Protein backbone atom coordinates (compact mmCIF):
# COMPACT_ATOMS: atom_id res chain seq x y z
CA MET A 1 67.16 -15.14 -3.28
CA GLY A 2 68.75 -17.97 -5.25
CA VAL A 3 70.50 -17.91 -8.61
CA LEU A 4 68.33 -19.02 -11.53
CA MET A 5 69.59 -19.90 -15.00
CA SER A 6 67.39 -19.36 -18.05
CA PRO A 7 69.31 -20.23 -21.25
CA SER A 8 68.02 -18.53 -24.38
CA VAL A 9 67.20 -20.54 -27.49
CA LEU A 10 67.99 -17.58 -29.77
CA ASP A 11 71.38 -19.03 -30.73
CA CYS A 12 70.36 -22.66 -30.97
CA ASP A 13 69.15 -24.60 -34.02
CA LEU A 14 65.51 -23.52 -34.09
CA THR A 15 64.64 -26.30 -36.55
CA ARG A 16 65.44 -28.78 -33.73
CA LEU A 17 64.00 -26.78 -30.87
CA HIS A 18 62.85 -29.69 -28.71
CA ASP A 19 66.24 -31.42 -28.97
CA GLU A 20 68.11 -28.18 -28.29
CA ILE A 21 66.10 -27.48 -25.16
CA SER A 22 66.74 -31.04 -24.00
CA ARG A 23 70.48 -30.35 -24.13
CA VAL A 24 70.18 -27.88 -21.22
CA SER A 25 67.01 -28.96 -19.41
CA ASP A 26 68.80 -30.91 -16.67
CA ALA A 27 71.09 -27.97 -15.83
CA ALA A 28 68.74 -24.99 -16.22
CA ASP A 29 65.84 -23.70 -14.15
CA MET A 30 63.87 -22.35 -17.12
CA ILE A 31 64.19 -22.03 -20.88
CA HIS A 32 64.15 -18.48 -22.24
CA LEU A 33 61.94 -18.12 -25.32
CA ASP A 34 62.58 -14.93 -27.30
CA VAL A 35 59.38 -13.95 -29.07
CA MET A 36 60.04 -11.26 -31.71
CA ASP A 37 57.58 -9.76 -34.17
CA ASN A 38 59.83 -7.74 -36.56
CA HIS A 39 58.01 -4.59 -35.43
CA PHE A 40 59.06 -3.82 -31.89
CA VAL A 41 62.50 -5.24 -32.72
CA PRO A 42 64.05 -5.74 -36.19
CA ASN A 43 63.96 -9.53 -36.08
CA LEU A 44 61.40 -12.31 -36.39
CA THR A 45 61.56 -15.54 -34.40
CA PHE A 46 58.39 -17.42 -33.45
CA GLY A 47 55.06 -16.80 -31.81
CA LEU A 48 52.31 -18.37 -29.77
CA PRO A 49 51.87 -21.66 -31.72
CA ILE A 50 55.54 -22.60 -31.30
CA VAL A 51 55.54 -21.57 -27.64
CA ARG A 52 52.45 -23.72 -27.02
CA LYS A 53 54.24 -26.68 -28.62
CA VAL A 54 57.36 -26.16 -26.52
CA ILE A 55 55.32 -25.94 -23.33
CA SER A 56 53.39 -29.11 -24.18
CA GLU A 57 56.51 -31.14 -24.95
CA CYS A 58 59.21 -29.89 -22.58
CA SER A 59 59.45 -30.47 -18.86
CA ILE A 60 61.42 -27.30 -18.15
CA PRO A 61 59.37 -24.14 -17.38
CA ALA A 62 59.02 -21.56 -20.15
CA ASP A 63 60.37 -18.05 -19.50
CA CYS A 64 58.79 -16.04 -22.34
CA HIS A 65 60.34 -12.70 -23.29
CA LEU A 66 57.91 -10.83 -25.54
CA MET A 67 59.71 -8.34 -27.78
CA ILE A 68 56.47 -7.45 -29.50
CA ASP A 69 54.01 -4.63 -30.03
CA ASP A 70 50.60 -4.65 -28.35
CA PRO A 71 51.38 -6.71 -25.23
CA GLU A 72 47.90 -5.80 -23.97
CA ARG A 73 46.52 -8.07 -26.68
CA TRP A 74 49.06 -10.88 -26.70
CA ALA A 75 50.82 -11.23 -23.36
CA PRO A 76 47.95 -12.90 -21.45
CA GLU A 77 47.67 -15.60 -24.12
CA TYR A 78 51.22 -16.75 -23.41
CA ALA A 79 50.28 -17.10 -19.76
CA GLU A 80 47.12 -18.99 -20.70
CA ALA A 81 49.25 -21.30 -22.85
CA GLY A 82 51.10 -22.39 -19.73
CA ALA A 83 54.20 -20.18 -19.66
CA TYR A 84 55.71 -20.01 -16.19
CA SER A 85 56.87 -16.42 -16.67
CA VAL A 86 55.80 -13.83 -19.25
CA THR A 87 57.82 -10.63 -19.68
CA PHE A 88 56.66 -7.65 -21.73
CA HIS A 89 58.50 -4.44 -22.60
CA VAL A 90 57.44 -1.28 -20.84
CA GLU A 91 58.27 0.63 -24.04
CA ALA A 92 55.64 -1.35 -25.97
CA ALA A 93 52.78 -1.07 -23.47
CA THR A 94 50.21 1.69 -23.34
CA ASP A 95 48.85 0.41 -20.02
CA PRO A 96 51.61 -1.62 -18.32
CA ILE A 97 49.73 -2.09 -15.06
CA ARG A 98 46.84 -3.66 -16.94
CA VAL A 99 49.24 -5.97 -18.81
CA ALA A 100 50.86 -7.04 -15.54
CA ARG A 101 47.52 -7.74 -13.90
CA ASP A 102 46.26 -9.71 -16.90
CA ILE A 103 49.41 -11.87 -17.04
CA ARG A 104 49.11 -12.70 -13.35
CA ALA A 105 45.38 -13.35 -13.64
CA ALA A 106 46.11 -15.83 -16.43
CA GLY A 107 48.37 -17.79 -14.11
CA ALA A 108 51.95 -16.76 -14.91
CA ARG A 109 54.62 -14.79 -13.14
CA CYS A 110 54.83 -11.33 -14.70
CA GLY A 111 58.02 -9.63 -15.81
CA VAL A 112 58.63 -6.16 -17.20
CA ALA A 113 61.64 -5.43 -19.40
CA VAL A 114 63.57 -2.24 -20.14
CA LYS A 115 65.84 -1.55 -23.09
CA PRO A 116 69.34 -0.12 -22.51
CA GLY A 117 68.19 3.39 -23.40
CA THR A 118 65.21 3.31 -21.03
CA SER A 119 65.66 4.74 -17.55
CA ALA A 120 64.97 2.59 -14.52
CA ASN A 121 62.46 5.27 -13.54
CA ALA A 122 60.16 3.99 -16.29
CA ILE A 123 59.36 0.89 -14.24
CA GLU A 124 59.65 2.16 -10.65
CA ASP A 125 55.88 2.49 -10.23
CA LEU A 126 55.40 -1.03 -11.62
CA ILE A 127 57.39 -2.78 -8.88
CA PRO A 128 54.27 -3.68 -6.81
CA PHE A 129 52.61 -5.25 -9.87
CA VAL A 130 55.38 -7.51 -11.22
CA ASP A 131 57.34 -10.59 -10.17
CA MET A 132 60.48 -9.84 -12.19
CA VAL A 133 62.32 -6.94 -13.81
CA LEU A 134 64.43 -7.70 -16.88
CA VAL A 135 67.29 -5.33 -17.62
CA MET A 136 68.49 -5.71 -21.20
CA THR A 137 72.27 -5.58 -21.40
CA VAL A 138 72.22 -5.40 -25.21
CA GLU A 139 69.77 -3.84 -27.64
CA PRO A 140 67.00 -6.43 -28.02
CA GLY A 141 66.67 -8.25 -31.32
CA PHE A 142 69.77 -10.32 -32.00
CA GLY A 143 72.00 -12.73 -30.13
CA GLY A 144 75.77 -12.55 -29.91
CA GLN A 145 76.00 -8.82 -29.13
CA SER A 146 78.55 -7.25 -26.81
CA PHE A 147 77.60 -6.83 -23.16
CA MET A 148 76.82 -3.26 -22.02
CA ALA A 149 78.53 -2.87 -18.66
CA ASP A 150 77.00 0.57 -18.17
CA GLN A 151 73.65 -1.15 -17.50
CA MET A 152 74.94 -2.47 -14.16
CA ALA A 153 74.03 0.81 -12.47
CA LYS A 154 70.45 0.25 -13.59
CA VAL A 155 70.52 -3.29 -12.20
CA SER A 156 71.76 -1.97 -8.85
CA THR A 157 69.07 0.70 -8.72
CA ILE A 158 66.32 -1.79 -9.46
CA ARG A 159 67.71 -4.25 -6.93
CA SER A 160 67.57 -1.54 -4.24
CA TRP A 161 63.92 -0.82 -5.06
CA VAL A 162 63.08 -4.53 -5.02
CA ASN A 163 64.79 -5.03 -1.66
CA LYS A 164 62.98 -2.02 -0.23
CA SER A 165 59.63 -3.45 -1.39
CA GLY A 166 60.16 -6.62 0.61
CA ALA A 167 58.48 -8.64 -2.15
CA ASP A 168 59.84 -11.75 -3.87
CA ILE A 169 60.74 -9.99 -7.11
CA TRP A 170 63.50 -11.32 -9.35
CA VAL A 171 66.00 -9.17 -11.26
CA GLN A 172 66.97 -10.68 -14.61
CA VAL A 173 69.72 -9.73 -17.07
CA ASP A 174 69.75 -10.67 -20.74
CA GLY A 175 72.38 -9.93 -23.38
CA GLY A 176 76.05 -10.77 -23.62
CA VAL A 177 75.92 -12.79 -20.41
CA GLY A 178 78.77 -15.29 -20.23
CA PRO A 179 81.88 -16.31 -18.29
CA THR A 180 83.46 -12.86 -18.47
CA THR A 181 80.34 -10.87 -17.54
CA ILE A 182 78.07 -12.92 -15.28
CA GLU A 183 79.99 -12.09 -12.10
CA GLN A 184 79.47 -8.35 -12.46
CA CYS A 185 75.77 -8.95 -13.13
CA ALA A 186 75.49 -10.93 -9.89
CA GLU A 187 77.47 -8.34 -7.95
CA ALA A 188 75.11 -5.63 -9.22
CA GLY A 189 72.11 -7.54 -7.86
CA ALA A 190 70.79 -9.77 -10.64
CA ASN A 191 69.66 -13.25 -9.67
CA VAL A 192 68.19 -14.57 -12.95
CA PHE A 193 70.60 -14.95 -15.87
CA VAL A 194 69.79 -15.36 -19.54
CA ALA A 195 72.67 -16.68 -21.63
CA GLY A 196 72.28 -17.62 -25.26
CA SER A 197 75.41 -17.66 -27.38
CA ALA A 198 77.65 -18.45 -24.40
CA VAL A 199 75.60 -21.60 -23.79
CA TYR A 200 74.72 -22.85 -27.26
CA ARG A 201 78.11 -22.12 -28.81
CA ALA A 202 79.84 -24.10 -26.06
CA PRO A 203 80.86 -27.72 -26.77
CA ASP A 204 78.68 -28.82 -23.84
CA PRO A 205 75.77 -26.40 -23.29
CA ALA A 206 74.63 -28.03 -20.04
CA ALA A 207 78.14 -27.87 -18.58
CA MET A 208 78.30 -24.18 -19.47
CA VAL A 209 75.00 -23.52 -17.69
CA THR A 210 76.38 -25.25 -14.60
CA ALA A 211 79.64 -23.28 -14.77
CA LEU A 212 77.82 -19.96 -15.16
CA ARG A 213 75.59 -20.78 -12.20
CA SER A 214 78.64 -21.43 -10.01
CA MET A 215 80.21 -18.12 -11.04
CA ALA A 216 77.02 -16.22 -10.25
CA GLU A 217 76.56 -17.96 -6.90
CA LEU A 218 80.10 -17.10 -5.83
CA SER A 219 79.64 -13.45 -6.79
CA SER A 220 76.25 -13.07 -5.11
CA ALA A 221 77.19 -14.83 -1.86
């Protein structure tokens, strides 16, 4: 299980999205695309047309986090568009197993996400059907929020289930991840790290991605 870095574009200049992604593409493993519909979360970012454009123009794989209603309808289309990983929220799905199967059938890795207020138990039965579990360490919707350290117990629980399964399932954290928090995320069992404001508010975003990776690797060794 290696450390993977997936910087989020939520805090970058979205009017220059291609250029902003290029600033971190040599240092990151994926680019985290936050898709918000102003229904499931109280914010609006971008949707499928923009994601298609990013995928067609950028060499770095797309890690799509769908903070949207009706993932049954929309999630497979992001996989069909060429996303490397597509994550939906268990709270938004009426049939999460179907969503997971459809994402995989469309050619992408499948992730399932849980909000801070959602118990890990909500996704335990989904472990055999997904390739990644995303634990939100802030309330989804806006960048720059304070990290919720109490979510580390959830990360540890999910990591134990993943290890017991024997499958190659990643554990991702998203929200408030930066130099002062990434080590505890790695110690709890996360191996995929989403950092937005910590990366794009740094003078050198690529250097920050590299520094965060080193911190996580030391803590997970």
